Amino acid sequence: MNGIEIGDRTNLGPGVGLISANHDPSDNTGWLPSPPIRLGKDCWLGMHAVILPGVHLGDSTIVGAGSVVTKSFPDGCCVIAGNPARVLRKLTHRSLS
């Protein structure tokens, strides 16, 4: 409903959930407006990871399997995991393009 943008060479594992809109809690027939989900270049989302509305992942972000990403990590170049996802470590490389 609010849009999804996926960067070049980004990989989505099996069962990944990209949830771009939540139901309006006072009107279950409507949706809440939110910025689009934005996934940078060279990201990798592990199996059954869930990305919630308005999340922006910067280039070269790796999301661990089963993680729930509730907030943005726009700087990218990191490994995130958990529920809610948090930075486990920074990566020292960036995409070549």
N, C-alpha and C. Protein backbone atom coordinates (compact mmCIF):
# COMPACT_ATOMS: atom_id res chain seq x y z
N MET A 1 0.82 -1.20 0.00
CA MET A 1 0.00 0.00 0.00
C MET A 1 0.86 1.27 0.00
N ASN A 2 1.98 1.27 0.72
CA ASN A 2 2.82 2.47 0.81
C ASN A 2 4.07 2.39 -0.06
N GLY A 3 4.27 1.28 -0.73
CA GLY A 3 5.39 1.16 -1.65
C GLY A 3 6.58 0.42 -1.07
N ILE A 4 7.34 -0.19 -1.97
CA ILE A 4 8.56 -0.92 -1.62
C ILE A 4 9.58 -0.63 -2.71
N GLU A 5 10.78 -0.19 -2.32
CA GLU A 5 11.88 0.06 -3.25
C GLU A 5 13.01 -0.90 -2.91
N ILE A 6 13.49 -1.64 -3.92
CA ILE A 6 14.53 -2.64 -3.71
C ILE A 6 15.72 -2.30 -4.61
N GLY A 7 16.89 -2.14 -3.99
CA GLY A 7 18.10 -1.78 -4.72
C GLY A 7 18.68 -2.94 -5.52
N ASP A 8 19.58 -2.60 -6.42
CA ASP A 8 20.25 -3.58 -7.28
C ASP A 8 20.98 -4.63 -6.44
N ARG A 9 20.93 -5.85 -6.91
CA ARG A 9 21.64 -6.99 -6.33
C ARG A 9 21.23 -7.32 -4.90
N THR A 10 20.07 -6.88 -4.48
CA THR A 10 19.56 -7.23 -3.14
C THR A 10 18.85 -8.57 -3.22
N ASN A 11 19.15 -9.45 -2.27
CA ASN A 11 18.61 -10.80 -2.25
C ASN A 11 17.62 -10.97 -1.10
N LEU A 12 16.49 -11.61 -1.41
CA LEU A 12 15.48 -11.91 -0.40
C LEU A 12 15.41 -13.42 -0.22
N GLY A 13 15.61 -13.89 1.00
CA GLY A 13 15.52 -15.30 1.28
C GLY A 13 14.08 -15.78 1.25
N PRO A 14 13.86 -17.09 1.34
CA PRO A 14 12.52 -17.65 1.33
C PRO A 14 11.68 -17.12 2.49
N GLY A 15 10.44 -16.78 2.21
CA GLY A 15 9.50 -16.39 3.24
C GLY A 15 9.70 -15.01 3.84
N VAL A 16 10.51 -14.17 3.21
CA VAL A 16 10.71 -12.81 3.73
C VAL A 16 9.40 -12.04 3.65
N GLY A 17 9.07 -11.28 4.70
CA GLY A 17 7.85 -10.47 4.71
C GLY A 17 8.20 -9.00 4.62
N LEU A 18 7.68 -8.34 3.59
CA LEU A 18 7.85 -6.89 3.42
C LEU A 18 6.47 -6.28 3.65
N ILE A 19 6.25 -5.72 4.82
CA ILE A 19 4.93 -5.22 5.21
C ILE A 19 4.96 -3.70 5.09
N SER A 20 4.38 -3.18 4.02
CA SER A 20 4.49 -1.74 3.75
C SER A 20 3.42 -0.91 4.44
N ALA A 21 2.40 -1.53 5.01
CA ALA A 21 1.34 -0.77 5.68
C ALA A 21 0.71 -1.59 6.80
N ASN A 22 0.32 -0.89 7.85
CA ASN A 22 -0.42 -1.50 8.96
C ASN A 22 -1.89 -1.12 8.85
N HIS A 23 -2.75 -1.93 9.43
CA HIS A 23 -4.16 -1.58 9.52
C HIS A 23 -4.34 -0.41 10.47
N ASP A 24 -5.32 0.41 10.18
CA ASP A 24 -5.70 1.50 11.09
C ASP A 24 -6.38 0.86 12.30
N PRO A 25 -5.86 1.06 13.53
CA PRO A 25 -6.44 0.38 14.69
C PRO A 25 -7.88 0.79 14.98
N SER A 26 -8.30 1.94 14.52
CA SER A 26 -9.68 2.37 14.76
C SER A 26 -10.61 2.02 13.60
N ASP A 27 -10.04 1.55 12.48
CA ASP A 27 -10.84 1.18 11.30
C ASP A 27 -10.11 0.06 10.57
N ASN A 28 -10.47 -1.17 10.87
CA ASN A 28 -9.77 -2.33 10.33
C ASN A 28 -9.88 -2.46 8.82
N THR A 29 -10.72 -1.67 8.17
CA THR A 29 -10.83 -1.71 6.71
C THR A 29 -9.85 -0.74 6.05
N GLY A 30 -9.18 0.11 6.84
CA GLY A 30 -8.27 1.11 6.28
C GLY A 30 -6.81 0.82 6.61
N TRP A 31 -5.92 1.56 5.95
CA TRP A 31 -4.48 1.41 6.13
C TRP A 31 -3.90 2.72 6.66
N LEU A 32 -2.81 2.63 7.40
CA LEU A 32 -2.12 3.81 7.88
C LEU A 32 -1.06 4.24 6.87
N PRO A 33 -0.99 5.53 6.54
CA PRO A 33 0.05 5.99 5.62
C PRO A 33 1.43 5.88 6.29
N SER A 34 2.43 5.60 5.48
CA SER A 34 3.80 5.45 5.96
C SER A 34 4.73 5.67 4.78
N PRO A 35 5.98 6.08 5.03
CA PRO A 35 6.94 6.11 3.92
C PRO A 35 7.12 4.69 3.37
N PRO A 36 7.60 4.57 2.13
CA PRO A 36 7.83 3.23 1.57
C PRO A 36 8.97 2.51 2.29
N ILE A 37 8.97 1.20 2.21
CA ILE A 37 10.13 0.42 2.62
C ILE A 37 11.20 0.66 1.56
N ARG A 38 12.42 0.95 2.01
CA ARG A 38 13.53 1.19 1.08
C ARG A 38 14.70 0.28 1.44
N LEU A 39 15.01 -0.64 0.54
CA LEU A 39 16.14 -1.55 0.73
C LEU A 39 17.25 -1.10 -0.21
N GLY A 40 18.43 -0.85 0.32
CA GLY A 40 19.55 -0.38 -0.48
C GLY A 40 20.11 -1.45 -1.41
N LYS A 41 21.21 -1.12 -2.06
CA LYS A 41 21.90 -2.06 -2.95
C LYS A 41 22.67 -3.09 -2.13
N ASP A 42 22.81 -4.27 -2.70
CA ASP A 42 23.65 -5.33 -2.14
C ASP A 42 23.24 -5.77 -0.74
N CYS A 43 21.96 -5.68 -0.42
CA CYS A 43 21.45 -6.17 0.86
C CYS A 43 21.14 -7.66 0.74
N TRP A 44 21.04 -8.30 1.88
CA TRP A 44 20.72 -9.72 1.93
C TRP A 44 19.80 -9.93 3.11
N LEU A 45 18.57 -10.35 2.84
CA LEU A 45 17.57 -10.59 3.89
C LEU A 45 17.41 -12.09 4.06
N GLY A 46 17.74 -12.58 5.24
CA GLY A 46 17.67 -14.01 5.53
C GLY A 46 16.25 -14.53 5.60
N MET A 47 16.13 -15.84 5.55
CA MET A 47 14.84 -16.54 5.54
C MET A 47 13.92 -16.05 6.66
N HIS A 48 12.69 -15.76 6.30
CA HIS A 48 11.62 -15.37 7.23
C HIS A 48 11.88 -14.06 7.98
N ALA A 49 12.79 -13.23 7.49
CA ALA A 49 12.96 -11.89 8.08
C ALA A 49 11.70 -11.09 7.75
N VAL A 50 11.33 -10.17 8.65
CA VAL A 50 10.16 -9.32 8.45
C VAL A 50 10.61 -7.86 8.52
N ILE A 51 10.24 -7.09 7.49
CA ILE A 51 10.56 -5.67 7.43
C ILE A 51 9.24 -4.90 7.57
N LEU A 52 9.17 -4.01 8.56
CA LEU A 52 7.93 -3.29 8.85
C LEU A 52 7.86 -1.96 8.10
N PRO A 53 6.67 -1.33 8.08
CA PRO A 53 6.46 -0.12 7.30
C PRO A 53 7.46 1.00 7.60
N GLY A 54 7.88 1.68 6.54
CA GLY A 54 8.74 2.85 6.66
C GLY A 54 10.21 2.58 6.91
N VAL A 55 10.62 1.31 7.00
CA VAL A 55 12.01 0.97 7.29
C VAL A 55 12.88 1.26 6.07
N HIS A 56 14.06 1.86 6.32
CA HIS A 56 15.07 2.11 5.29
C HIS A 56 16.34 1.38 5.71
N LEU A 57 16.78 0.45 4.86
CA LEU A 57 18.05 -0.24 5.08
C LEU A 57 19.06 0.29 4.07
N GLY A 58 20.18 0.78 4.56
CA GLY A 58 21.22 1.29 3.67
C GLY A 58 21.91 0.17 2.91
N ASP A 59 22.77 0.55 1.96
CA ASP A 59 23.49 -0.41 1.13
C ASP A 59 24.27 -1.40 1.99
N SER A 60 24.35 -2.63 1.52
CA SER A 60 25.16 -3.70 2.13
C SER A 60 24.72 -4.04 3.55
N THR A 61 23.42 -4.03 3.79
CA THR A 61 22.89 -4.47 5.09
C THR A 61 22.51 -5.94 5.00
N ILE A 62 22.95 -6.73 5.96
CA ILE A 62 22.59 -8.14 6.04
C ILE A 62 21.62 -8.29 7.21
N VAL A 63 20.46 -8.91 6.95
CA VAL A 63 19.45 -9.13 7.98
C VAL A 63 19.39 -10.62 8.29
N GLY A 64 19.60 -10.97 9.55
CA GLY A 64 19.60 -12.36 9.97
C GLY A 64 18.24 -13.02 9.80
N ALA A 65 18.26 -14.32 9.57
CA ALA A 65 17.03 -15.10 9.40
C ALA A 65 16.12 -14.92 10.61
N GLY A 66 14.83 -14.76 10.35
CA GLY A 66 13.83 -14.66 11.41
C GLY A 66 13.79 -13.33 12.14
N SER A 67 14.57 -12.36 11.71
CA SER A 67 14.60 -11.06 12.39
C SER A 67 13.36 -10.25 12.07
N VAL A 68 13.01 -9.34 12.99
CA VAL A 68 11.92 -8.40 12.78
C VAL A 68 12.53 -7.00 12.82
N VAL A 69 12.53 -6.32 11.66
CA VAL A 69 13.16 -5.02 11.55
C VAL A 69 12.09 -3.95 11.74
N THR A 70 12.15 -3.27 12.89
CA THR A 70 11.13 -2.31 13.28
C THR A 70 11.56 -0.86 13.07
N LYS A 71 12.87 -0.65 12.84
CA LYS A 71 13.38 0.71 12.64
C LYS A 71 14.41 0.71 11.53
N SER A 72 14.78 1.88 11.06
CA SER A 72 15.70 2.03 9.94
C SER A 72 17.16 1.92 10.37
N PHE A 73 17.98 1.46 9.43
CA PHE A 73 19.43 1.40 9.56
C PHE A 73 20.00 2.01 8.27
N PRO A 74 19.84 3.33 8.10
CA PRO A 74 20.17 3.97 6.82
C PRO A 74 21.65 3.99 6.49
N ASP A 75 22.54 3.87 7.49
CA ASP A 75 23.98 3.89 7.20
C ASP A 75 24.44 2.61 6.54
N GLY A 76 23.71 1.52 6.74
CA GLY A 76 24.01 0.25 6.10
C GLY A 76 25.37 -0.30 6.48
N CYS A 77 25.87 -1.18 5.64
CA CYS A 77 27.17 -1.82 5.81
C CYS A 77 27.29 -2.46 7.20
N CYS A 78 26.24 -3.25 7.56
CA CYS A 78 26.22 -3.88 8.87
C CYS A 78 25.41 -5.17 8.82
N VAL A 79 25.56 -5.96 9.87
CA VAL A 79 24.76 -7.16 10.08
C VAL A 79 23.79 -6.83 11.20
N ILE A 80 22.49 -7.02 10.93
CA ILE A 80 21.47 -6.80 11.96
C ILE A 80 20.69 -8.09 12.16
N ALA A 81 20.20 -8.28 13.38
CA ALA A 81 19.42 -9.49 13.67
C ALA A 81 18.67 -9.30 14.98
N GLY A 82 17.65 -10.14 15.17
CA GLY A 82 16.90 -10.17 16.41
C GLY A 82 15.50 -9.63 16.25
N ASN A 83 14.78 -9.60 17.38
CA ASN A 83 13.42 -9.08 17.43
C ASN A 83 13.28 -8.22 18.69
N PRO A 84 13.37 -6.90 18.52
CA PRO A 84 13.59 -6.16 17.29
C PRO A 84 15.06 -6.23 16.85
N ALA A 85 15.28 -6.07 15.55
CA ALA A 85 16.65 -6.16 15.01
C ALA A 85 17.52 -5.05 15.58
N ARG A 86 18.78 -5.40 15.80
CA ARG A 86 19.79 -4.44 16.25
C ARG A 86 21.10 -4.77 15.54
N VAL A 87 22.03 -3.82 15.55
CA VAL A 87 23.31 -4.04 14.88
C VAL A 87 24.13 -5.04 15.69
N LEU A 88 24.56 -6.11 15.01
CA LEU A 88 25.45 -7.09 15.63
C LEU A 88 26.90 -6.73 15.35
N ARG A 89 27.16 -6.26 14.12
CA ARG A 89 28.51 -5.81 13.79
C ARG A 89 28.47 -4.95 12.53
N LYS A 90 29.45 -4.11 12.42
CA LYS A 90 29.63 -3.28 11.22
C LYS A 90 30.49 -4.07 10.24
N LEU A 91 30.27 -3.84 8.96
CA LEU A 91 31.09 -4.46 7.91
C LEU A 91 32.10 -3.43 7.43
N THR A 92 33.24 -3.90 6.96
CA THR A 92 34.31 -3.00 6.56
C THR A 92 34.37 -2.75 5.06
N HIS A 93 33.46 -3.35 4.31
CA HIS A 93 33.47 -3.16 2.85
C HIS A 93 32.18 -2.50 2.40
N ARG A 94 32.21 -1.92 1.24
CA ARG A 94 31.03 -1.34 0.60
C ARG A 94 30.90 -1.95 -0.79
N SER A 95 29.74 -1.79 -1.38
CA SER A 95 29.51 -2.26 -2.75
C SER A 95 30.53 -1.62 -3.69
N LEU A 96 30.92 -2.34 -4.72
CA LEU A 96 31.88 -1.82 -5.68
C LEU A 96 31.23 -0.90 -6.71
N SER A 97 29.91 -0.87 -6.76
CA SER A 97 29.26 -0.02 -7.77
C SER A 97 28.51 1.12 -7.14
